[in-house]
């Protein structure tokens, strides 16, 4: 029996297929493995834009007279430079940093003119926290706020909502661009307002300072921090290029322990107003 003759095009296709298979078998495999899924904690939105006249507004009523209270401060230079919220120490004659054992170190104060920021000056201090005032921000990114809410050690974690304008009425009335954050977690057992957290750093996951915690809207579940445009100029020149290189990494699982370490090392400390 005579087999039918294959057409020329079929012969050429078979030869080409063999040659292609041989060439592919000798090809170097440099493909990357499949990308890992993005963990929920790292999900972020679009980059946050600059300040605009259309930013939402939030209002805060300031007391007519200074009321002694406590707040939080953090180190930005080992030579004794600390940052807190201006309203924590404005009007206080003897601000001091609590160092434990019933002891406190008196501090001199320099108030920022255009931001709710104050610089505290002492004779030496602990290692600085790294500052990333110019780091790009994304909506939805997480921040951690270690400090002394209600006068006791505690911390909060938040997600970035966007920009707002904070309008302060009463003593020291002014308007200030701020970042608005939604509270999504806090120290277990911490209930109620977060007075005393003012002045705390807002840290990213690498432990870098993005801004200063300055206000709270409890009913809205929001926390406000300084905006980069006001925070950066307020501390310009205070941190040396070699300071604050090492941050305290934080995640939603570790920010409690990491905050305890910062307070223990006095990189985050409580601010009080001593009686005259």
Protein backbone atom coordinates (compact mmCIF):
# COMPACT_ATOMS: atom_id res chain seq x y z
CA UNK A 1 0.00 0.00 0.00
CA UNK A 2 1.38 3.33 -1.01
CA UNK A 3 1.20 6.16 1.51
CA UNK A 4 -0.05 9.53 0.23
CA UNK A 5 2.61 12.16 -0.39
CA UNK A 6 2.59 15.03 2.12
CA UNK A 7 2.27 18.52 0.68
CA UNK A 8 5.39 20.70 0.75
CA UNK A 9 3.93 23.18 3.25
CA UNK A 10 3.40 20.40 5.85
CA UNK A 11 7.03 19.27 5.53
CA UNK A 12 8.32 22.83 5.96
CA UNK A 13 6.08 23.38 9.05
CA UNK A 14 7.34 20.19 10.67
CA UNK A 15 11.00 21.14 10.12
CA UNK A 16 10.39 24.66 11.51
CA UNK A 17 8.73 23.20 14.60
CA UNK A 18 11.70 20.95 15.31
CA UNK A 19 14.16 23.84 14.95
CA UNK A 20 12.06 26.04 17.27
CA UNK A 21 11.88 23.34 19.93
CA UNK A 22 15.66 22.87 19.89
CA UNK A 23 16.34 26.61 20.19
CA UNK A 24 13.93 27.01 23.12
CA UNK A 25 15.48 24.10 24.99
CA UNK A 26 18.85 25.94 24.99
CA UNK A 27 17.41 29.33 26.02
CA UNK A 28 18.49 30.71 29.42
CA UNK A 29 15.60 30.85 31.89
CA UNK A 30 15.80 34.27 33.59
CA UNK A 31 12.12 34.66 34.46
CA UNK A 32 11.39 36.04 37.92
CA UNK A 33 9.16 34.02 40.26
CA UNK A 34 5.53 35.16 40.65
CA UNK A 35 5.22 38.40 42.64
CA UNK A 36 4.15 37.94 46.25
CA UNK A 37 0.70 39.16 47.16
CA UNK A 38 0.64 42.61 48.77
CA UNK A 39 -0.15 42.21 52.49
CA UNK A 40 -3.24 44.10 53.71
CA UNK A 41 -1.10 46.39 55.88
CA UNK A 42 0.75 47.72 52.83
CA UNK A 43 -2.27 48.62 50.71
CA UNK A 44 -2.06 52.30 49.85
CA UNK A 45 -3.81 54.64 47.49
CA UNK A 46 -2.75 57.49 45.27
CA UNK A 47 0.00 59.91 46.20
CA UNK A 48 -1.20 62.78 48.37
CA UNK A 49 -1.23 66.05 46.45
CA UNK A 50 -0.12 69.52 47.61
CA UNK A 51 -2.12 71.96 49.71
CA UNK A 52 -5.08 73.49 47.86
CA UNK A 53 -7.76 76.07 48.76
CA UNK A 54 -10.33 73.29 48.44
CA UNK A 55 -9.03 71.15 51.32
CA UNK A 56 -11.68 70.28 53.90
CA UNK A 57 -11.68 72.21 57.20
CA UNK A 58 -11.78 71.09 60.82
CA UNK A 59 -12.21 73.37 63.84
CA UNK A 60 -10.74 73.26 67.34
CA UNK A 61 -11.65 75.48 70.29
CA UNK A 62 -8.61 76.50 72.34
CA UNK A 63 -9.01 77.48 76.03
CA UNK A 64 -8.79 81.19 76.86
CA UNK A 65 -6.04 80.62 79.40
CA UNK A 66 -3.20 78.14 79.77
CA UNK A 67 -4.19 74.99 81.64
CA UNK A 68 -1.28 72.89 82.97
CA UNK A 69 -1.38 69.50 81.34
CA UNK A 70 0.89 66.78 80.05
CA UNK A 71 1.81 65.81 76.54
CA UNK A 72 4.39 63.90 74.54
CA UNK A 73 7.74 64.83 73.01
CA UNK A 74 10.31 62.99 70.92
CA UNK A 75 14.02 63.38 70.31
CA UNK A 76 15.26 64.71 66.98
CA UNK A 77 18.91 65.36 67.99
CA UNK A 78 21.13 63.65 70.56
CA UNK A 79 22.50 66.98 71.72
CA UNK A 80 19.20 67.66 73.44
CA UNK A 81 16.59 68.69 70.88
CA UNK A 82 13.02 67.51 71.27
CA UNK A 83 9.79 68.25 69.43
CA UNK A 84 6.30 68.53 70.88
CA UNK A 85 3.07 70.32 70.00
CA UNK A 86 3.21 74.05 70.63
CA UNK A 87 -0.10 74.12 72.52
CA UNK A 88 1.29 71.63 75.06
CA UNK A 89 3.90 74.09 76.35
CA UNK A 90 2.70 77.49 75.18
CA UNK A 91 2.22 79.60 78.33
CA UNK A 92 4.06 77.11 80.55
CA UNK A 93 6.80 78.75 82.62
CA UNK A 94 8.61 75.54 83.53
CA UNK A 95 8.19 72.75 80.98
CA UNK A 96 10.05 69.54 81.73
CA UNK A 97 10.62 66.06 80.33
CA UNK A 98 9.89 63.12 82.62
CA UNK A 99 12.83 60.69 82.72
CA UNK A 100 11.43 58.19 85.24
CA UNK A 101 11.82 57.55 88.94
CA UNK A 102 9.84 60.67 89.80
CA UNK A 103 12.45 62.83 88.06
CA UNK A 104 12.09 65.41 85.31
CA UNK A 105 14.56 67.52 83.33
CA UNK A 106 13.75 71.17 82.76
CA UNK A 107 13.72 72.35 79.15
CA UNK A 108 13.94 75.65 77.33
CA UNK A 109 11.31 76.29 74.67
CA UNK A 110 11.25 77.73 71.17
CA UNK A 111 7.82 78.07 69.60
CA UNK A 112 7.33 77.74 65.86
CA UNK A 113 5.58 80.75 64.37
CA UNK A 114 3.50 79.03 61.70
CA UNK A 115 2.85 75.54 63.02
CA UNK A 116 1.65 73.81 66.18
CA UNK A 117 5.23 72.77 66.87
CA UNK A 118 7.60 73.58 69.72
CA UNK A 119 11.28 72.78 70.13
CA UNK A 120 12.42 71.75 73.62
CA UNK A 121 16.10 72.17 74.48
CA UNK A 122 17.96 70.19 77.15
CA UNK A 123 21.58 69.47 78.02
CA UNK A 124 22.05 66.33 75.95
CA UNK A 125 19.53 63.65 75.18
CA UNK A 126 18.85 60.18 73.76
CA UNK A 127 19.41 59.10 70.13
CA UNK A 128 17.21 60.90 67.63
CA UNK A 129 14.28 59.52 65.71
CA UNK A 130 14.81 59.76 61.94
CA UNK A 131 12.74 62.52 60.34
CA UNK A 132 11.17 62.06 56.91
CA UNK A 133 9.24 65.30 56.58
CA UNK A 134 9.62 65.26 52.79
CA UNK A 135 8.72 61.62 52.23
CA UNK A 136 5.94 61.09 49.65
CA UNK A 137 2.59 60.30 51.28
CA UNK A 138 -0.16 58.03 49.99
CA UNK A 139 -3.79 57.93 51.00
CA UNK A 140 -4.44 54.87 53.12
CA UNK A 141 -0.89 54.51 54.38
CA UNK A 142 -0.47 53.64 58.03
CA UNK A 143 1.06 55.71 60.84
CA UNK A 144 1.84 54.90 64.46
CA UNK A 145 1.57 57.40 67.32
CA UNK A 146 3.46 56.35 70.49
CA UNK A 147 3.09 58.60 73.52
CA UNK A 148 1.28 59.22 76.78
CA UNK A 149 -2.48 59.45 76.15
CA UNK A 150 -4.38 60.34 79.34
CA UNK A 151 -0.99 60.74 81.04
CA UNK A 152 -0.07 57.04 80.73
CA UNK A 153 1.94 55.02 78.19
CA UNK A 154 -0.13 54.16 75.11
CA UNK A 155 -0.22 54.27 71.34
CA UNK A 156 -2.56 54.55 68.37
CA UNK A 157 -2.37 53.47 64.75
CA UNK A 158 -4.08 55.34 61.91
CA UNK A 159 -4.67 55.44 58.17
CA UNK A 160 -4.11 58.60 56.12
CA UNK A 161 -7.32 60.20 54.82
CA UNK A 162 -5.96 63.36 53.23
CA UNK A 163 -5.37 67.05 53.77
CA UNK A 164 -7.51 69.43 55.81
CA UNK A 165 -7.22 72.94 57.21
CA UNK A 166 -7.34 73.11 61.00
CA UNK A 167 -9.05 76.26 62.28
CA UNK A 168 -8.24 77.06 65.90
CA UNK A 169 -10.52 79.51 67.75
CA UNK A 170 -9.90 81.17 71.09
CA UNK A 171 -6.41 81.74 72.49
CA UNK A 172 -3.85 81.75 69.70
CA UNK A 173 -6.50 81.57 66.96
CA UNK A 174 -5.02 80.59 63.61
CA UNK A 175 -5.42 78.36 60.58
CA UNK A 176 -2.96 75.61 59.75
CA UNK A 177 -2.71 72.93 57.02
CA UNK A 178 -2.81 69.46 58.55
CA UNK A 179 -3.03 65.80 57.64
CA UNK A 180 -6.17 63.93 58.71
CA UNK A 181 -5.84 60.30 59.82
CA UNK A 182 -8.54 57.75 60.68
CA UNK A 183 -7.92 55.89 63.92
CA UNK A 184 -7.95 52.14 63.30
CA UNK A 185 -6.35 50.77 66.47
CA UNK A 186 -5.09 51.68 69.91
CA UNK A 187 -3.65 50.23 73.11
CA UNK A 188 -5.86 47.50 74.50
CA UNK A 189 -7.93 48.94 77.34
CA UNK A 190 -7.40 52.57 76.33
CA UNK A 191 -10.87 54.11 76.24
CA UNK A 192 -11.95 57.70 75.67
CA UNK A 193 -10.17 60.83 74.51
CA UNK A 194 -6.47 60.84 73.75
CA UNK A 195 -5.45 63.96 75.67
CA UNK A 196 -1.75 63.68 76.41
CA UNK A 197 -0.93 62.23 72.99
CA UNK A 198 -0.43 65.77 71.63
CA UNK A 199 3.19 66.14 70.59
CA UNK A 200 3.65 62.46 69.78
CA UNK A 201 5.45 61.56 66.56
CA UNK A 202 3.50 60.10 63.66
CA UNK A 203 5.79 57.30 62.50
CA UNK A 204 5.74 55.28 59.30
CA UNK A 205 6.49 51.56 59.16
CA UNK A 206 10.23 52.28 59.13
CA UNK A 207 10.00 54.31 62.32
CA UNK A 208 10.53 57.65 60.54
CA UNK A 209 8.76 60.79 61.76
CA UNK A 210 6.20 62.09 59.27
CA UNK A 211 4.78 64.80 61.53
CA UNK A 212 3.59 65.80 64.99
CA UNK A 213 0.27 64.68 66.50
CA UNK A 214 -1.59 67.89 67.37
CA UNK A 215 -5.35 67.32 67.67
CA UNK A 216 -8.15 64.78 67.86
CA UNK A 217 -11.78 64.65 66.73
CA UNK A 218 -13.14 61.80 68.90
CA UNK A 219 -16.62 61.72 67.42
CA UNK A 220 -15.22 61.45 63.91
CA UNK A 221 -12.49 59.01 64.91
CA UNK A 222 -9.84 61.27 63.47
CA UNK A 223 -6.38 62.39 64.50
CA UNK A 224 -4.62 65.41 63.03
CA UNK A 225 -0.90 65.87 62.50
CA UNK A 226 1.22 68.67 61.14
CA UNK A 227 1.55 68.84 57.36
CA UNK A 228 5.01 68.41 55.79
CA UNK A 229 4.92 72.02 54.56
CA UNK A 230 4.77 73.33 58.15
CA UNK A 231 6.64 70.59 60.03
CA UNK A 232 9.77 70.62 57.87
CA UNK A 233 10.53 74.35 58.15
CA UNK A 234 9.81 74.30 61.92
CA UNK A 235 12.69 71.89 62.60
CA UNK A 236 15.02 72.75 59.73
CA UNK A 237 18.69 72.60 60.71
CA UNK A 238 18.09 70.90 64.06
CA UNK A 239 18.86 67.32 62.97
CA UNK A 240 22.33 66.54 61.65
CA UNK A 241 22.83 64.38 58.52
CA UNK A 242 24.18 61.47 60.60
CA UNK A 243 21.46 61.54 63.22
CA UNK A 244 18.31 59.49 63.22
CA UNK A 245 19.63 56.96 60.72
CA UNK A 246 18.08 54.04 62.58
CA UNK A 247 14.34 53.92 63.11
CA UNK A 248 12.20 51.47 65.07
CA UNK A 249 10.31 49.36 62.50
CA UNK A 250 6.61 48.99 63.27
CA UNK A 251 3.75 46.81 62.07
CA UNK A 252 0.22 46.30 63.31
CA UNK A 253 1.51 43.27 65.23
CA UNK A 254 4.55 44.93 66.81
CA UNK A 255 3.74 48.61 67.32
CA UNK A 256 2.89 48.11 70.99
CA UNK A 257 6.26 46.57 71.82
CA UNK A 258 8.08 49.00 69.53
CA UNK A 259 6.40 51.95 71.27
CA UNK A 260 7.41 50.57 74.67
CA UNK A 261 11.02 50.41 73.47
CA UNK A 262 10.93 54.04 72.31
CA UNK A 263 9.56 55.19 75.67
CA UNK A 264 12.03 53.03 77.58
CA UNK A 265 14.94 54.59 75.65
CA UNK A 266 13.40 58.08 76.21
CA UNK A 267 13.35 58.69 72.48
CA UNK A 268 9.66 59.36 73.22
CA UNK A 269 9.06 61.05 76.57
CA UNK A 270 6.31 62.69 78.57
CA UNK A 271 6.16 66.47 78.81
CA UNK A 272 4.80 68.17 81.94
CA UNK A 273 4.45 71.73 83.18
CA UNK A 274 6.08 72.14 86.58
CA UNK A 275 4.50 74.48 89.10
CA UNK A 276 6.26 77.80 89.41
